[in-house]
Amino acid sequence: MAKIRFVLLRCLCMVTLLAGMPFAVSSQSVLQKDALQMYRNRQYDAAIAICEQEIKANPANMDAYSVLIWSLLRQKRYLQAEERGLQARKENSYDIRIIEALGEAEYYLGKNDAALSYFQRYVSNARESEGDYVLSYYFMGEIYIKQSKFQHADIALTTAVRNKPERADYWTRLGYAREMCKEYTSAIEAYDKALSLNANLADAKSGKERCQKHL
């Protein structure tokens, strides 16, 4: 009988413990959902405040760090985004959201080598369906153009337009990379694609005209 009472008491304790868990998990999920919703609504200050609260409670909360850094990036607070990204990586160096966000921060701070390293690490681990997969290739293309590595830029931007063929600006930059490689026919093809999407793109028009003079 005593053994039965002990088993029943243990079961009761487990039920009581489990009964309390959904409230705690739900509360955290609501906070994270609210922060993400604020970010999507471009209420970045509100999103940042919620995320700071979550990180204070749990310094290893990568969801909160992600939304925080995204919000800082949208506010063009790149130094702070870099700082918080590096802090987040001390907690978890493998979170690809933080890696990509740090790439953006470094890019806008002009730290091209660091940015390129982060973007390369991100695309090596992310799926093509990830939201920032194509954007990372675009940034890589821009960095390679700045470094005069135009063939590398061609490869990166070709990947970008393959996944986002509706982006006229991506096609324009691909045309420029090919133009710099003296691949004028394929450059014109990229410029034409850009102009088919947006006939008013001055860079695509002038790029096409320059290439036609070489044919």
Protein backbone atom coordinates (compact mmCIF):
# COMPACT_ATOMS: atom_id res chain seq x y z
CA MET A 1 0.00 0.00 0.00
CA ALA A 2 2.82 2.37 0.89
CA LYS A 3 4.46 1.62 -2.46
CA ILE A 4 1.21 2.38 -4.28
CA ARG A 5 0.86 5.70 -2.46
CA PHE A 6 4.46 6.57 -3.41
CA VAL A 7 3.81 5.83 -7.09
CA LEU A 8 0.60 7.88 -7.03
CA LEU A 9 2.39 10.77 -5.34
CA ARG A 10 5.17 10.66 -7.93
CA CYS A 11 2.63 10.68 -10.77
CA LEU A 12 0.84 13.62 -9.17
CA CYS A 13 4.10 15.55 -8.96
CA MET A 14 4.81 14.88 -12.63
CA VAL A 15 1.32 16.00 -13.64
CA THR A 16 1.72 19.17 -11.61
CA LEU A 17 5.12 19.87 -13.18
CA LEU A 18 3.90 19.26 -16.70
CA ALA A 19 0.80 21.35 -16.09
CA GLY A 20 2.99 24.34 -15.44
CA MET A 21 5.14 23.91 -18.52
CA PRO A 22 2.74 25.00 -21.29
CA PHE A 23 2.23 28.38 -19.68
CA ALA A 24 5.95 29.11 -19.51
CA VAL A 25 6.65 27.90 -23.06
CA SER A 26 3.58 29.66 -24.40
CA SER A 27 4.58 32.96 -22.77
CA GLN A 28 8.01 32.83 -24.39
CA SER A 29 6.52 31.90 -27.76
CA VAL A 30 4.09 34.80 -27.58
CA LEU A 31 6.91 37.23 -26.86
CA GLN A 32 8.95 35.94 -29.79
CA LYS A 33 5.92 36.00 -32.06
CA ASP A 34 5.18 39.58 -31.00
CA ALA A 35 8.76 40.67 -31.72
CA LEU A 36 8.69 39.05 -35.16
CA GLN A 37 5.33 40.64 -35.92
CA MET A 38 6.63 44.04 -34.86
CA TYR A 39 9.61 43.54 -37.17
CA ARG A 40 7.35 42.59 -40.08
CA ASN A 41 5.26 45.69 -39.39
CA ARG A 42 8.45 47.80 -39.47
CA GLN A 43 8.02 48.69 -35.81
CA TYR A 44 11.68 48.12 -35.21
CA ASP A 45 12.04 49.95 -31.88
CA ALA A 46 9.26 47.83 -30.40
CA ALA A 47 10.80 44.63 -31.79
CA ILE A 48 14.18 45.57 -30.35
CA ALA A 49 12.70 46.27 -26.90
CA ILE A 50 10.97 42.87 -26.79
CA CYS A 51 14.09 41.06 -27.97
CA GLU A 52 16.28 42.80 -25.41
CA GLN A 53 13.85 41.65 -22.72
CA GLU A 54 14.02 38.06 -23.98
CA ILE A 55 17.82 38.05 -24.22
CA LYS A 56 18.11 39.42 -20.70
CA ALA A 57 15.99 36.51 -19.49
CA ASN A 58 17.79 33.97 -21.68
CA PRO A 59 21.15 35.03 -23.18
CA ALA A 60 21.13 31.94 -25.43
CA ASN A 61 17.86 32.86 -27.17
CA MET A 62 18.90 32.86 -30.82
CA ASP A 63 15.38 33.66 -32.05
CA ALA A 64 15.46 36.91 -30.09
CA TYR A 65 18.98 37.72 -31.25
CA SER A 66 17.96 37.16 -34.87
CA VAL A 67 15.00 39.53 -34.79
CA LEU A 68 17.04 42.06 -32.81
CA ILE A 69 19.85 42.14 -35.38
CA TRP A 70 17.45 42.21 -38.32
CA SER A 71 15.74 45.23 -36.76
CA LEU A 72 19.05 47.00 -36.21
CA LEU A 73 20.00 46.36 -39.83
CA ARG A 74 16.73 47.81 -41.10
CA GLN A 75 17.44 50.92 -39.00
CA LYS A 76 20.93 51.10 -40.55
CA ARG A 77 22.51 50.72 -37.12
CA TYR A 78 25.24 48.56 -38.56
CA LEU A 79 27.82 48.90 -35.79
CA GLN A 80 25.28 47.80 -33.20
CA ALA A 81 24.12 44.96 -35.46
CA GLU A 82 27.73 43.80 -35.74
CA GLU A 83 28.25 44.04 -31.98
CA ARG A 84 25.12 42.09 -31.12
CA GLY A 85 25.86 39.54 -33.83
CA LEU A 86 29.28 38.84 -32.36
CA GLN A 87 27.70 38.50 -28.91
CA ALA A 88 25.18 36.03 -30.30
CA ARG A 89 27.94 33.94 -31.86
CA LYS A 90 29.54 33.54 -28.44
CA GLU A 91 26.35 31.76 -27.41
CA ASN A 92 25.92 29.81 -30.64
CA SER A 93 28.48 30.05 -33.44
CA TYR A 94 26.49 27.82 -35.80
CA ASP A 95 23.18 29.69 -36.13
CA ILE A 96 23.02 30.55 -39.83
CA ARG A 97 20.59 33.43 -39.27
CA ILE A 98 23.19 35.21 -37.18
CA ILE A 99 25.94 34.38 -39.69
CA GLU A 100 23.96 35.90 -42.58
CA ALA A 101 22.97 38.98 -40.57
CA LEU A 102 26.60 39.56 -39.62
CA GLY A 103 27.47 39.35 -43.31
CA GLU A 104 25.05 42.19 -44.02
CA ALA A 105 26.38 44.30 -41.14
CA GLU A 106 29.97 43.85 -42.30
CA TYR A 107 29.01 44.58 -45.90
CA TYR A 108 27.46 47.92 -45.02
CA LEU A 109 30.41 48.74 -42.77
CA GLY A 110 32.72 48.24 -45.75
CA LYS A 111 34.37 45.15 -44.27
CA ASN A 112 34.16 43.20 -47.51
CA ASP A 113 36.47 40.30 -46.65
CA ALA A 114 34.64 39.61 -43.39
CA ALA A 115 31.26 39.96 -45.10
CA LEU A 116 32.26 37.58 -47.87
CA SER A 117 33.42 35.01 -45.33
CA TYR A 118 30.07 35.13 -43.52
CA PHE A 119 28.04 34.93 -46.74
CA GLN A 120 30.09 31.97 -47.99
CA ARG A 121 29.56 30.18 -44.71
CA TYR A 122 25.85 30.93 -44.83
CA VAL A 123 25.20 29.64 -48.37
CA SER A 124 27.27 26.53 -47.60
CA ASN A 125 24.87 25.62 -44.80
CA ALA A 126 21.54 27.14 -45.84
CA ARG A 127 18.89 25.63 -48.09
CA GLU A 128 17.97 27.39 -51.32
CA SER A 129 14.52 27.95 -49.86
CA GLU A 130 15.94 30.04 -47.01
CA GLY A 131 14.84 33.64 -47.22
CA ASP A 132 18.33 35.15 -47.38
CA TYR A 133 19.93 32.55 -49.64
CA VAL A 134 19.55 34.58 -52.84
CA LEU A 135 20.32 37.87 -51.12
CA SER A 136 23.62 36.45 -49.91
CA TYR A 137 24.64 35.58 -53.45
CA TYR A 138 23.71 39.09 -54.56
CA PHE A 139 25.90 40.61 -51.84
CA MET A 140 28.72 38.24 -52.77
CA GLY A 141 28.41 39.39 -56.37
CA GLU A 142 28.64 43.03 -55.33
CA ILE A 143 31.71 42.33 -53.19
CA TYR A 144 33.43 40.51 -56.06
CA ILE A 145 32.71 43.47 -58.34
CA LYS A 146 34.32 45.80 -55.80
CA GLN A 147 37.32 43.47 -55.73
CA SER A 148 37.45 43.37 -59.56
CA LYS A 149 36.87 39.61 -59.47
CA PHE A 150 34.35 39.79 -62.26
CA GLN A 151 34.21 36.10 -63.13
CA HIS A 152 33.44 35.30 -59.49
CA ALA A 153 30.80 38.03 -59.58
CA ASP A 154 29.29 36.47 -62.72
CA ILE A 155 28.94 33.11 -60.94
CA ALA A 156 27.42 34.62 -57.80
CA LEU A 157 24.97 36.86 -59.65
CA THR A 158 24.00 34.09 -62.06
CA THR A 159 22.96 32.08 -59.00
CA ALA A 160 21.00 35.08 -57.73
CA VAL A 161 19.02 35.60 -60.95
CA ARG A 162 18.40 31.88 -61.34
CA ASN A 163 16.55 31.94 -58.04
CA LYS A 164 15.08 35.44 -58.38
CA PRO A 165 14.58 36.01 -62.13
CA GLU A 166 12.14 38.84 -61.44
CA ARG A 167 14.84 41.11 -59.99
CA ALA A 168 15.80 43.61 -62.68
CA ASP A 169 18.57 45.09 -60.52
CA TYR A 170 20.21 41.68 -60.19
CA TRP A 171 20.18 41.23 -63.97
CA THR A 172 21.73 44.68 -64.39
CA ARG A 173 24.62 43.87 -62.08
CA LEU A 174 25.09 40.52 -63.82
CA GLY A 175 25.28 42.36 -67.12
CA TYR A 176 27.95 44.66 -65.69
CA ALA A 177 30.02 41.74 -64.37
CA ARG A 178 29.92 40.09 -67.78
CA GLU A 179 30.73 43.37 -69.49
CA MET A 180 33.83 43.70 -67.32
CA CYS A 181 34.79 40.16 -68.39
CA LYS A 182 34.46 41.39 -72.01
CA GLU A 183 31.70 38.86 -72.60
CA TYR A 184 29.65 41.43 -74.45
CA THR A 185 27.04 39.19 -76.03
CA SER A 186 26.05 37.53 -72.75
CA ALA A 187 26.23 40.93 -71.04
CA ILE A 188 23.69 42.31 -73.52
CA GLU A 189 21.45 39.33 -72.83
CA ALA A 190 21.51 40.17 -69.10
CA TYR A 191 20.89 43.87 -69.77
CA ASP A 192 18.01 43.00 -72.11
CA LYS A 193 16.46 40.84 -69.40
CA ALA A 194 16.73 43.71 -66.94
CA LEU A 195 15.11 46.10 -69.40
CA SER A 196 12.30 43.65 -70.12
CA LEU A 197 11.50 43.81 -66.41
CA ASN A 198 12.02 47.56 -66.07
CA ALA A 199 12.41 49.58 -69.26
CA ASN A 200 13.50 52.67 -67.32
CA LEU A 201 16.72 51.28 -65.84
CA ALA A 202 19.37 53.80 -66.87
CA ASP A 203 22.29 51.55 -65.87
CA ALA A 204 20.99 48.71 -68.02
CA LYS A 205 20.43 51.02 -70.99
CA SER A 206 23.89 52.55 -70.84
CA GLY A 207 25.49 49.18 -70.23
CA LYS A 208 23.83 47.69 -73.27
CA GLU A 209 24.93 50.64 -75.42
CA ARG A 210 28.54 50.25 -74.27
CA CYS A 211 28.52 46.55 -75.08
CA GLN A 212 26.99 47.05 -78.53
CA LYS A 213 29.94 49.26 -79.48
CA HIS A 214 32.25 46.27 -79.02
CA LEU A 215 30.33 44.00 -81.39
